[in-house]
Amino acid sequence: MSAGKRKSRKRSAANSKSPPESVIFIERNLGKHKVAQMLRDAGENVEVHDDHLAQDAPDEEWIQLVGEKGWLAVTKDKNIRYRQSELAAIKAFEARVFVIRAKNVTADEMAEILIRSCRRMKKFAIENIPPFVAAIHRDGSIKLYPLD
């Protein structure tokens, strides 16, 4: 590869590897009951922040947890990719983080956005090498954010 070319962040079909299980981790800013339960009712495997960590645990701790477990993390914190310590944790633990980018949404609306997006999230996670942060928009579309 020449020095001027950038390495692709997409996985080829030959080295695509599905995560052992598609677990969706709900970060504490999405609540601990309603969104998780609606996703479970839709057939998704869901883990909730407060079932694994103290409620006031620093973000770096949940980032480490999801990175080590290979889970797909969902947060509403759109600035997570700008904070140096959180960005360093995302990179160090090869976390796969999705950020809901919809203003003034209720728990029901967040759950609907996620239910609509689950298939795309899982496909995105298979096709893109971690670490990454990606936006989930109200219409269910997903956009990769640069990490640098």
N, C-alpha and C. Protein backbone atom coordinates (compact mmCIF):
# COMPACT_ATOMS: atom_id res chain seq x y z
N MET A 1 0.86 -1.17 0.00
CA MET A 1 0.00 0.00 0.00
C MET A 1 0.90 1.22 0.00
N SER A 2 0.62 2.18 -0.86
CA SER A 2 1.46 3.38 -0.93
C SER A 2 1.17 4.29 0.25
N ALA A 3 2.11 5.16 0.53
CA ALA A 3 1.99 6.03 1.70
C ALA A 3 0.80 6.97 1.61
N GLY A 4 0.36 7.32 0.40
CA GLY A 4 -0.73 8.27 0.24
C GLY A 4 -2.12 7.67 0.35
N LYS A 5 -2.22 6.34 0.32
CA LYS A 5 -3.54 5.70 0.37
C LYS A 5 -3.95 5.42 1.80
N ARG A 6 -5.26 5.56 2.06
CA ARG A 6 -5.78 5.25 3.38
C ARG A 6 -6.30 3.83 3.39
N LYS A 7 -6.16 3.17 4.49
CA LYS A 7 -6.65 1.81 4.63
C LYS A 7 -8.16 1.83 4.80
N SER A 8 -8.84 0.94 4.13
CA SER A 8 -10.30 0.85 4.20
C SER A 8 -10.74 0.44 5.59
N ARG A 9 -11.81 1.03 6.08
CA ARG A 9 -12.38 0.68 7.38
C ARG A 9 -13.45 -0.39 7.23
N LYS A 10 -13.78 -0.76 5.99
CA LYS A 10 -14.79 -1.78 5.74
C LYS A 10 -14.14 -3.15 5.72
N ARG A 11 -14.84 -4.14 6.26
CA ARG A 11 -14.36 -5.50 6.20
C ARG A 11 -14.73 -6.11 4.86
N SER A 12 -13.85 -6.93 4.35
CA SER A 12 -14.20 -7.66 3.13
C SER A 12 -15.03 -8.86 3.52
N ALA A 13 -15.74 -9.43 2.57
CA ALA A 13 -16.55 -10.61 2.85
C ALA A 13 -15.68 -11.74 3.38
N ALA A 14 -14.44 -11.82 2.92
CA ALA A 14 -13.54 -12.89 3.34
C ALA A 14 -13.20 -12.81 4.82
N ASN A 15 -13.04 -11.59 5.37
CA ASN A 15 -12.73 -11.51 6.79
C ASN A 15 -13.85 -10.93 7.62
N SER A 16 -15.07 -10.94 7.11
CA SER A 16 -16.21 -10.53 7.92
C SER A 16 -16.42 -11.58 9.00
N LYS A 17 -16.63 -11.10 10.19
CA LYS A 17 -16.87 -12.02 11.29
C LYS A 17 -18.00 -11.45 12.12
N SER A 18 -19.03 -12.21 12.29
CA SER A 18 -20.15 -11.79 13.09
C SER A 18 -19.76 -11.84 14.56
N PRO A 19 -20.23 -10.87 15.36
CA PRO A 19 -19.94 -10.94 16.78
C PRO A 19 -20.55 -12.22 17.35
N PRO A 20 -19.97 -12.75 18.44
CA PRO A 20 -20.48 -14.00 19.00
C PRO A 20 -21.97 -13.95 19.28
N GLU A 21 -22.46 -12.84 19.76
CA GLU A 21 -23.88 -12.63 19.94
C GLU A 21 -24.13 -11.14 19.76
N SER A 22 -25.27 -10.81 19.22
CA SER A 22 -25.57 -9.40 18.99
C SER A 22 -26.29 -8.84 20.21
N VAL A 23 -25.51 -8.40 21.16
CA VAL A 23 -26.06 -7.81 22.38
C VAL A 23 -26.06 -6.30 22.21
N ILE A 24 -27.16 -5.68 22.55
CA ILE A 24 -27.27 -4.22 22.52
C ILE A 24 -27.19 -3.73 23.96
N PHE A 25 -26.18 -2.91 24.23
CA PHE A 25 -25.96 -2.35 25.55
C PHE A 25 -26.58 -0.96 25.60
N ILE A 26 -27.49 -0.77 26.53
CA ILE A 26 -28.18 0.51 26.69
C ILE A 26 -27.45 1.33 27.76
N GLU A 27 -26.83 2.41 27.34
CA GLU A 27 -26.12 3.28 28.26
C GLU A 27 -27.11 4.00 29.17
N ARG A 28 -26.66 4.41 30.33
CA ARG A 28 -27.56 4.93 31.37
C ARG A 28 -28.39 6.15 30.92
N ASN A 29 -27.92 6.92 29.95
CA ASN A 29 -28.69 8.10 29.56
C ASN A 29 -29.92 7.77 28.72
N LEU A 30 -30.14 6.49 28.43
CA LEU A 30 -31.37 6.05 27.75
C LEU A 30 -32.37 5.47 28.75
N GLY A 31 -32.03 5.49 30.02
CA GLY A 31 -32.91 4.93 31.03
C GLY A 31 -32.59 3.46 31.25
N LYS A 32 -33.27 2.84 32.22
CA LYS A 32 -32.93 1.45 32.49
C LYS A 32 -34.09 0.48 32.30
N HIS A 33 -35.26 0.96 31.96
CA HIS A 33 -36.38 0.03 31.87
C HIS A 33 -37.10 0.06 30.52
N LYS A 34 -37.70 1.16 30.19
CA LYS A 34 -38.64 1.21 29.07
C LYS A 34 -38.00 0.87 27.72
N VAL A 35 -36.90 1.54 27.37
CA VAL A 35 -36.25 1.30 26.08
C VAL A 35 -35.77 -0.15 26.03
N ALA A 36 -35.13 -0.61 27.10
CA ALA A 36 -34.63 -1.99 27.14
C ALA A 36 -35.77 -2.99 26.98
N GLN A 37 -36.86 -2.77 27.68
CA GLN A 37 -37.97 -3.72 27.61
C GLN A 37 -38.62 -3.74 26.23
N MET A 38 -38.76 -2.58 25.60
CA MET A 38 -39.34 -2.53 24.26
C MET A 38 -38.44 -3.26 23.26
N LEU A 39 -37.13 -3.13 23.42
CA LEU A 39 -36.21 -3.86 22.54
C LEU A 39 -36.29 -5.36 22.80
N ARG A 40 -36.37 -5.75 24.06
CA ARG A 40 -36.52 -7.18 24.38
C ARG A 40 -37.82 -7.72 23.81
N ASP A 41 -38.90 -6.95 23.92
CA ASP A 41 -40.18 -7.38 23.37
C ASP A 41 -40.12 -7.55 21.85
N ALA A 42 -39.19 -6.82 21.21
CA ALA A 42 -38.99 -6.93 19.76
C ALA A 42 -38.03 -8.07 19.42
N GLY A 43 -37.56 -8.80 20.44
CA GLY A 43 -36.71 -9.96 20.20
C GLY A 43 -35.22 -9.71 20.30
N GLU A 44 -34.84 -8.55 20.79
CA GLU A 44 -33.41 -8.21 20.87
C GLU A 44 -32.82 -8.66 22.21
N ASN A 45 -31.53 -8.99 22.19
CA ASN A 45 -30.77 -9.34 23.38
C ASN A 45 -30.18 -8.04 23.93
N VAL A 46 -30.64 -7.63 25.11
CA VAL A 46 -30.30 -6.30 25.64
C VAL A 46 -29.66 -6.41 27.02
N GLU A 47 -28.63 -5.61 27.22
CA GLU A 47 -28.01 -5.44 28.53
C GLU A 47 -28.12 -3.96 28.90
N VAL A 48 -28.30 -3.70 30.18
CA VAL A 48 -28.50 -2.34 30.66
C VAL A 48 -27.33 -1.94 31.57
N HIS A 49 -26.89 -0.71 31.42
CA HIS A 49 -25.77 -0.16 32.18
C HIS A 49 -25.82 -0.52 33.66
N ASP A 50 -26.94 -0.23 34.32
CA ASP A 50 -27.02 -0.38 35.77
C ASP A 50 -27.01 -1.83 36.24
N ASP A 51 -27.18 -2.79 35.33
CA ASP A 51 -27.07 -4.20 35.70
C ASP A 51 -25.61 -4.66 35.77
N HIS A 52 -24.68 -3.83 35.30
CA HIS A 52 -23.27 -4.21 35.26
C HIS A 52 -22.35 -3.26 35.99
N LEU A 53 -22.75 -2.00 36.11
CA LEU A 53 -21.88 -0.97 36.67
C LEU A 53 -22.66 -0.07 37.62
N ALA A 54 -21.92 0.62 38.48
CA ALA A 54 -22.56 1.61 39.34
C ALA A 54 -23.16 2.70 38.45
N GLN A 55 -24.27 3.27 38.90
CA GLN A 55 -24.94 4.28 38.09
C GLN A 55 -24.03 5.46 37.77
N ASP A 56 -23.15 5.80 38.72
CA ASP A 56 -22.27 6.94 38.51
C ASP A 56 -20.88 6.55 37.98
N ALA A 57 -20.76 5.34 37.44
CA ALA A 57 -19.47 4.90 36.88
C ALA A 57 -19.07 5.80 35.72
N PRO A 58 -17.79 6.10 35.60
CA PRO A 58 -17.35 6.92 34.47
C PRO A 58 -17.62 6.20 33.15
N ASP A 59 -17.83 6.98 32.10
CA ASP A 59 -18.12 6.40 30.78
C ASP A 59 -17.04 5.43 30.32
N GLU A 60 -15.80 5.68 30.70
CA GLU A 60 -14.72 4.80 30.29
C GLU A 60 -14.96 3.35 30.76
N GLU A 61 -15.68 3.18 31.88
CA GLU A 61 -15.94 1.83 32.39
C GLU A 61 -16.94 1.09 31.51
N TRP A 62 -18.03 1.75 31.09
CA TRP A 62 -18.96 1.03 30.21
C TRP A 62 -18.35 0.82 28.83
N ILE A 63 -17.51 1.75 28.40
CA ILE A 63 -16.84 1.58 27.11
C ILE A 63 -15.93 0.35 27.16
N GLN A 64 -15.19 0.19 28.26
CA GLN A 64 -14.34 -0.99 28.42
C GLN A 64 -15.19 -2.26 28.42
N LEU A 65 -16.29 -2.25 29.16
CA LEU A 65 -17.17 -3.42 29.24
C LEU A 65 -17.68 -3.83 27.86
N VAL A 66 -18.23 -2.88 27.11
CA VAL A 66 -18.80 -3.24 25.80
C VAL A 66 -17.71 -3.64 24.81
N GLY A 67 -16.55 -3.01 24.91
CA GLY A 67 -15.45 -3.37 24.03
C GLY A 67 -14.97 -4.80 24.30
N GLU A 68 -14.79 -5.14 25.57
CA GLU A 68 -14.32 -6.48 25.93
C GLU A 68 -15.35 -7.55 25.60
N LYS A 69 -16.62 -7.23 25.74
CA LYS A 69 -17.68 -8.21 25.47
C LYS A 69 -18.07 -8.28 23.99
N GLY A 70 -17.68 -7.25 23.21
CA GLY A 70 -18.07 -7.22 21.81
C GLY A 70 -19.50 -6.78 21.59
N TRP A 71 -20.06 -6.09 22.59
CA TRP A 71 -21.45 -5.64 22.49
C TRP A 71 -21.55 -4.38 21.65
N LEU A 72 -22.76 -4.07 21.20
CA LEU A 72 -23.05 -2.84 20.49
C LEU A 72 -23.62 -1.86 21.51
N ALA A 73 -22.94 -0.76 21.73
CA ALA A 73 -23.38 0.22 22.73
C ALA A 73 -24.25 1.28 22.08
N VAL A 74 -25.28 1.71 22.80
CA VAL A 74 -26.14 2.80 22.34
C VAL A 74 -26.19 3.86 23.42
N THR A 75 -25.95 5.11 23.00
CA THR A 75 -25.97 6.25 23.90
C THR A 75 -26.66 7.42 23.21
N LYS A 76 -27.01 8.44 23.98
CA LYS A 76 -27.50 9.69 23.40
C LYS A 76 -26.43 10.77 23.42
N ASP A 77 -25.26 10.44 23.98
CA ASP A 77 -24.18 11.42 24.17
C ASP A 77 -23.45 11.69 22.85
N LYS A 78 -23.91 12.71 22.13
CA LYS A 78 -23.33 13.02 20.82
C LYS A 78 -21.90 13.54 20.92
N ASN A 79 -21.47 13.94 22.09
CA ASN A 79 -20.12 14.49 22.24
C ASN A 79 -19.09 13.46 22.69
N ILE A 80 -19.50 12.21 22.80
CA ILE A 80 -18.60 11.17 23.29
C ILE A 80 -17.33 11.06 22.45
N ARG A 81 -17.43 11.32 21.17
CA ARG A 81 -16.26 11.18 20.29
C ARG A 81 -15.31 12.37 20.38
N TYR A 82 -15.65 13.40 21.15
CA TYR A 82 -14.79 14.57 21.30
C TYR A 82 -14.03 14.58 22.62
N ARG A 83 -14.49 13.84 23.61
CA ARG A 83 -13.82 13.82 24.91
C ARG A 83 -12.63 12.87 24.85
N GLN A 84 -11.46 13.38 25.17
CA GLN A 84 -10.22 12.62 24.98
C GLN A 84 -10.20 11.29 25.74
N SER A 85 -10.62 11.29 27.00
CA SER A 85 -10.55 10.04 27.76
C SER A 85 -11.53 8.99 27.22
N GLU A 86 -12.70 9.43 26.81
CA GLU A 86 -13.68 8.50 26.26
C GLU A 86 -13.26 8.01 24.88
N LEU A 87 -12.73 8.91 24.07
CA LEU A 87 -12.23 8.54 22.75
C LEU A 87 -11.08 7.54 22.88
N ALA A 88 -10.18 7.79 23.84
CA ALA A 88 -9.06 6.87 24.07
C ALA A 88 -9.58 5.48 24.47
N ALA A 89 -10.62 5.43 25.32
CA ALA A 89 -11.20 4.15 25.74
C ALA A 89 -11.86 3.44 24.55
N ILE A 90 -12.58 4.18 23.72
CA ILE A 90 -13.22 3.59 22.54
C ILE A 90 -12.16 2.94 21.66
N LYS A 91 -11.05 3.64 21.46
CA LYS A 91 -9.97 3.09 20.64
C LYS A 91 -9.28 1.91 21.32
N ALA A 92 -8.94 2.06 22.60
CA ALA A 92 -8.20 1.02 23.32
C ALA A 92 -8.98 -0.29 23.42
N PHE A 93 -10.30 -0.19 23.63
CA PHE A 93 -11.11 -1.40 23.82
C PHE A 93 -11.89 -1.79 22.57
N GLU A 94 -11.58 -1.10 21.46
CA GLU A 94 -12.21 -1.38 20.17
C GLU A 94 -13.73 -1.46 20.30
N ALA A 95 -14.28 -0.44 20.93
CA ALA A 95 -15.72 -0.38 21.17
C ALA A 95 -16.49 -0.02 19.90
N ARG A 96 -17.72 -0.50 19.86
CA ARG A 96 -18.64 -0.19 18.76
C ARG A 96 -19.79 0.59 19.38
N VAL A 97 -19.79 1.90 19.13
CA VAL A 97 -20.71 2.81 19.80
C VAL A 97 -21.63 3.47 18.78
N PHE A 98 -22.93 3.42 19.07
CA PHE A 98 -23.94 4.08 18.25
C PHE A 98 -24.56 5.20 19.08
N VAL A 99 -24.73 6.36 18.46
CA VAL A 99 -25.27 7.54 19.12
C VAL A 99 -26.62 7.88 18.49
N ILE A 100 -27.67 7.92 19.29
CA ILE A 100 -28.97 8.33 18.77
C ILE A 100 -28.94 9.83 18.55
N ARG A 101 -29.18 10.24 17.31
CA ARG A 101 -29.16 11.66 16.93
C ARG A 101 -30.58 12.13 16.62
N ALA A 102 -31.38 12.22 17.62
CA ALA A 102 -32.74 12.73 17.48
C ALA A 102 -33.05 13.56 18.71
N LYS A 103 -33.43 14.79 18.50
CA LYS A 103 -33.70 15.70 19.62
C LYS A 103 -35.11 15.50 20.16
N ASN A 104 -35.24 15.75 21.46
CA ASN A 104 -36.54 15.77 22.12
C ASN A 104 -37.38 14.53 21.85
N VAL A 105 -36.78 13.35 22.07
CA VAL A 105 -37.51 12.12 21.86
C VAL A 105 -37.84 11.48 23.20
N THR A 106 -38.98 10.84 23.24
CA THR A 106 -39.40 10.11 24.43
C THR A 106 -38.74 8.73 24.42
N ALA A 107 -38.88 8.02 25.53
CA ALA A 107 -38.35 6.66 25.60
C ALA A 107 -39.00 5.78 24.52
N ASP A 108 -40.30 5.94 24.33
CA ASP A 108 -40.99 5.16 23.29
C ASP A 108 -40.40 5.46 21.91
N GLU A 109 -40.16 6.72 21.63
CA GLU A 109 -39.61 7.11 20.33
C GLU A 109 -38.18 6.59 20.15
N MET A 110 -37.37 6.65 21.23
CA MET A 110 -36.01 6.11 21.15
C MET A 110 -36.05 4.62 20.86
N ALA A 111 -36.94 3.91 21.55
CA ALA A 111 -37.05 2.47 21.33
C ALA A 111 -37.49 2.18 19.90
N GLU A 112 -38.42 2.95 19.38
CA GLU A 112 -38.88 2.75 18.00
C GLU A 112 -37.75 2.98 17.01
N ILE A 113 -36.95 4.02 17.24
CA ILE A 113 -35.80 4.30 16.37
C ILE A 113 -34.84 3.10 16.41
N LEU A 114 -34.56 2.60 17.60
CA LEU A 114 -33.63 1.48 17.74
C LEU A 114 -34.18 0.20 17.12
N ILE A 115 -35.45 -0.07 17.34
CA ILE A 115 -36.06 -1.27 16.76
C ILE A 115 -35.97 -1.20 15.24
N ARG A 116 -36.25 -0.03 14.70
CA ARG A 116 -36.16 0.18 13.25
C ARG A 116 -34.72 0.03 12.75
N SER A 117 -33.75 0.33 13.62
CA SER A 117 -32.34 0.36 13.23
C SER A 117 -31.56 -0.91 13.55
N CYS A 118 -32.10 -1.82 14.33
CA CYS A 118 -31.33 -2.98 14.82
C CYS A 118 -30.67 -3.77 13.70
N ARG A 119 -31.39 -4.09 12.68
CA ARG A 119 -30.81 -4.88 11.59
C ARG A 119 -29.66 -4.12 10.93
N ARG A 120 -29.87 -2.82 10.71
CA ARG A 120 -28.80 -1.99 10.11
C ARG A 120 -27.59 -1.89 11.04
N MET A 121 -27.84 -1.75 12.35
CA MET A 121 -26.74 -1.67 13.31
C MET A 121 -25.88 -2.93 13.27
N LYS A 122 -26.54 -4.07 13.27
CA LYS A 122 -25.81 -5.35 13.27
C LYS A 122 -25.01 -5.51 11.98
N LYS A 123 -25.62 -5.16 10.87
CA LYS A 123 -24.93 -5.24 9.58
C LYS A 123 -23.75 -4.27 9.56
N PHE A 124 -23.97 -3.05 10.05
CA PHE A 124 -22.92 -2.04 10.12
C PHE A 124 -21.75 -2.54 10.97
N ALA A 125 -22.06 -3.18 12.10
CA ALA A 125 -21.03 -3.68 13.01
C ALA A 125 -20.21 -4.80 12.37
N ILE A 126 -20.81 -5.58 11.52
CA ILE A 126 -20.09 -6.64 10.82
C ILE A 126 -19.21 -6.06 9.72
N GLU A 127 -19.71 -5.04 9.04
CA GLU A 127 -19.00 -4.48 7.88
C GLU A 127 -17.91 -3.47 8.24
N ASN A 128 -17.92 -2.96 9.46
CA ASN A 128 -16.95 -1.94 9.87
C ASN A 128 -16.09 -2.45 11.02
N ILE A 129 -14.81 -2.30 10.85
CA ILE A 129 -13.86 -2.77 11.86
C ILE A 129 -13.88 -1.81 13.05
N PRO A 130 -14.03 -2.35 14.28
CA PRO A 130 -13.97 -1.48 15.44
C PRO A 130 -12.55 -0.99 15.68
N PRO A 131 -12.38 0.10 16.35
CA PRO A 131 -13.40 0.90 17.04
C PRO A 131 -14.13 1.82 16.08
N PHE A 132 -15.37 2.14 16.46
CA PHE A 132 -16.10 3.16 15.71
C PHE A 132 -17.17 3.80 16.56
N VAL A 133 -17.56 5.00 16.13
CA VAL A 133 -18.73 5.70 16.65
C VAL A 133 -19.57 6.05 15.44
N ALA A 134 -20.85 5.72 15.50
CA ALA A 134 -21.74 5.98 14.38
C ALA A 134 -23.04 6.59 14.89
N ALA A 135 -23.61 7.46 14.08
CA ALA A 135 -24.87 8.11 14.43
C ALA A 135 -26.04 7.29 13.90
N ILE A 136 -27.08 7.19 14.72
CA ILE A 136 -28.35 6.62 14.28
C ILE A 136 -29.33 7.78 14.21
N HIS A 137 -29.85 8.03 13.03
CA HIS A 137 -30.78 9.14 12.84
C HIS A 137 -32.22 8.67 13.02
N ARG A 138 -33.10 9.61 13.20
CA ARG A 138 -34.51 9.33 13.45
C ARG A 138 -35.11 8.38 12.42
N ASP A 139 -34.66 8.48 11.16
CA ASP A 139 -35.20 7.62 10.10
C ASP A 139 -34.57 6.23 10.09
N GLY A 140 -33.63 5.97 11.02
CA GLY A 140 -32.99 4.66 11.09
C GLY A 140 -31.69 4.58 10.31
N SER A 141 -31.34 5.63 9.59
CA SER A 141 -30.09 5.60 8.84
C SER A 141 -28.91 5.72 9.80
N ILE A 142 -27.76 5.19 9.36
CA ILE A 142 -26.56 5.16 10.20
C ILE A 142 -25.41 5.81 9.44
N LYS A 143 -24.68 6.67 10.15
CA LYS A 143 -23.54 7.37 9.53
C LYS A 143 -22.32 7.24 10.43
N LEU A 144 -21.23 6.80 9.84
CA LEU A 144 -19.97 6.66 10.57
C LEU A 144 -19.36 8.02 10.86
N TYR A 145 -18.91 8.22 12.10
CA TYR A 145 -18.19 9.44 12.47
C TYR A 145 -16.70 9.17 12.41
N PRO A 146 -15.91 10.14 11.96
CA PRO A 146 -14.46 9.97 12.05
C PRO A 146 -14.02 10.03 13.51
N LEU A 147 -13.02 9.25 13.87
CA LEU A 147 -12.54 9.23 15.26
C LEU A 147 -11.33 10.13 15.49
N ASP A 148 -10.83 10.76 14.47
CA ASP A 148 -9.65 11.61 14.64
C ASP A 148 -10.00 13.07 14.59
